[in-house]
Amino acid sequence: MVVRPEFAEAPVPARVLGENAAVMPLAGPAALVSAVAADALRLRRLLDEALDSVG
């Protein structure tokens, strides 16, 4: 979950990130990233990519 005050005015758009991850806006100034991967290293990379994509 990523919480930032600026998301209250401009929510993060819902989108798919590759085949195994998605970003979804939440009520309030937050976004949720959901991801699955075969191992912890790949999961960490997916989550880092998602964090970079939300700014």
Protein backbone atom coordinates (compact mmCIF):
# COMPACT_ATOMS: atom_id res chain seq x y z
CA MET A 1 0.00 0.00 0.00
CA VAL A 2 1.26 3.47 -0.93
CA VAL A 3 -0.22 6.48 0.86
CA ARG A 4 0.51 10.00 -0.34
CA PRO A 5 -1.42 13.22 0.29
CA GLU A 6 -1.39 14.12 -3.42
CA PHE A 7 -3.48 11.00 -4.20
CA ALA A 8 -6.48 12.74 -2.55
CA GLU A 9 -6.59 15.26 -5.41
CA ALA A 10 -5.32 12.98 -8.20
CA PRO A 11 -5.96 9.29 -7.47
CA VAL A 12 -3.72 6.70 -9.06
CA PRO A 13 -5.44 5.12 -12.07
CA ALA A 14 -6.08 1.37 -11.92
CA ARG A 15 -3.74 -0.49 -14.25
CA VAL A 16 -2.06 -3.80 -14.88
CA LEU A 17 1.73 -3.92 -14.58
CA GLY A 18 2.95 -6.76 -16.74
CA GLU A 19 1.43 -10.19 -16.32
CA ASN A 20 1.73 -10.50 -12.55
CA ALA A 21 0.98 -7.17 -10.89
CA ALA A 22 -1.69 -4.49 -10.70
CA VAL A 23 -2.11 -1.07 -9.10
CA MET A 24 -5.53 -0.15 -7.74
CA PRO A 25 -6.71 3.13 -6.19
CA LEU A 26 -8.17 3.00 -2.69
CA ALA A 27 -10.58 5.33 -0.92
CA GLY A 28 -8.59 8.21 0.47
CA PRO A 29 -5.06 9.09 -0.54
CA ALA A 30 -3.80 5.56 -1.19
CA ALA A 31 -3.13 2.89 -3.79
CA LEU A 32 -2.77 -0.84 -3.42
CA VAL A 33 -0.31 -2.98 -5.36
CA SER A 34 -1.09 -6.65 -5.78
CA ALA A 35 1.57 -8.97 -7.22
CA VAL A 36 2.46 -12.64 -7.46
CA ALA A 37 5.79 -14.18 -8.40
CA ALA A 38 7.60 -17.50 -8.43
CA ASP A 39 10.14 -16.36 -5.84
CA ALA A 40 10.83 -13.57 -3.35
CA LEU A 41 13.42 -11.81 -5.52
CA ARG A 42 11.04 -11.49 -8.46
CA LEU A 43 8.27 -10.34 -6.13
CA ARG A 44 10.54 -7.65 -4.68
CA ARG A 45 11.36 -6.45 -8.21
CA LEU A 46 7.67 -6.32 -9.15
CA LEU A 47 6.85 -4.30 -6.03
CA ASP A 48 9.75 -1.91 -6.68
CA GLU A 49 8.56 -1.40 -10.28
CA ALA A 50 5.05 -0.70 -9.02
CA LEU A 51 6.31 1.82 -6.48
CA ASP A 52 8.28 3.60 -9.21
CA SER A 53 5.20 3.69 -11.45
CA VAL A 54 3.02 5.49 -8.89
CA GLY A 55 5.59 8.24 -8.53
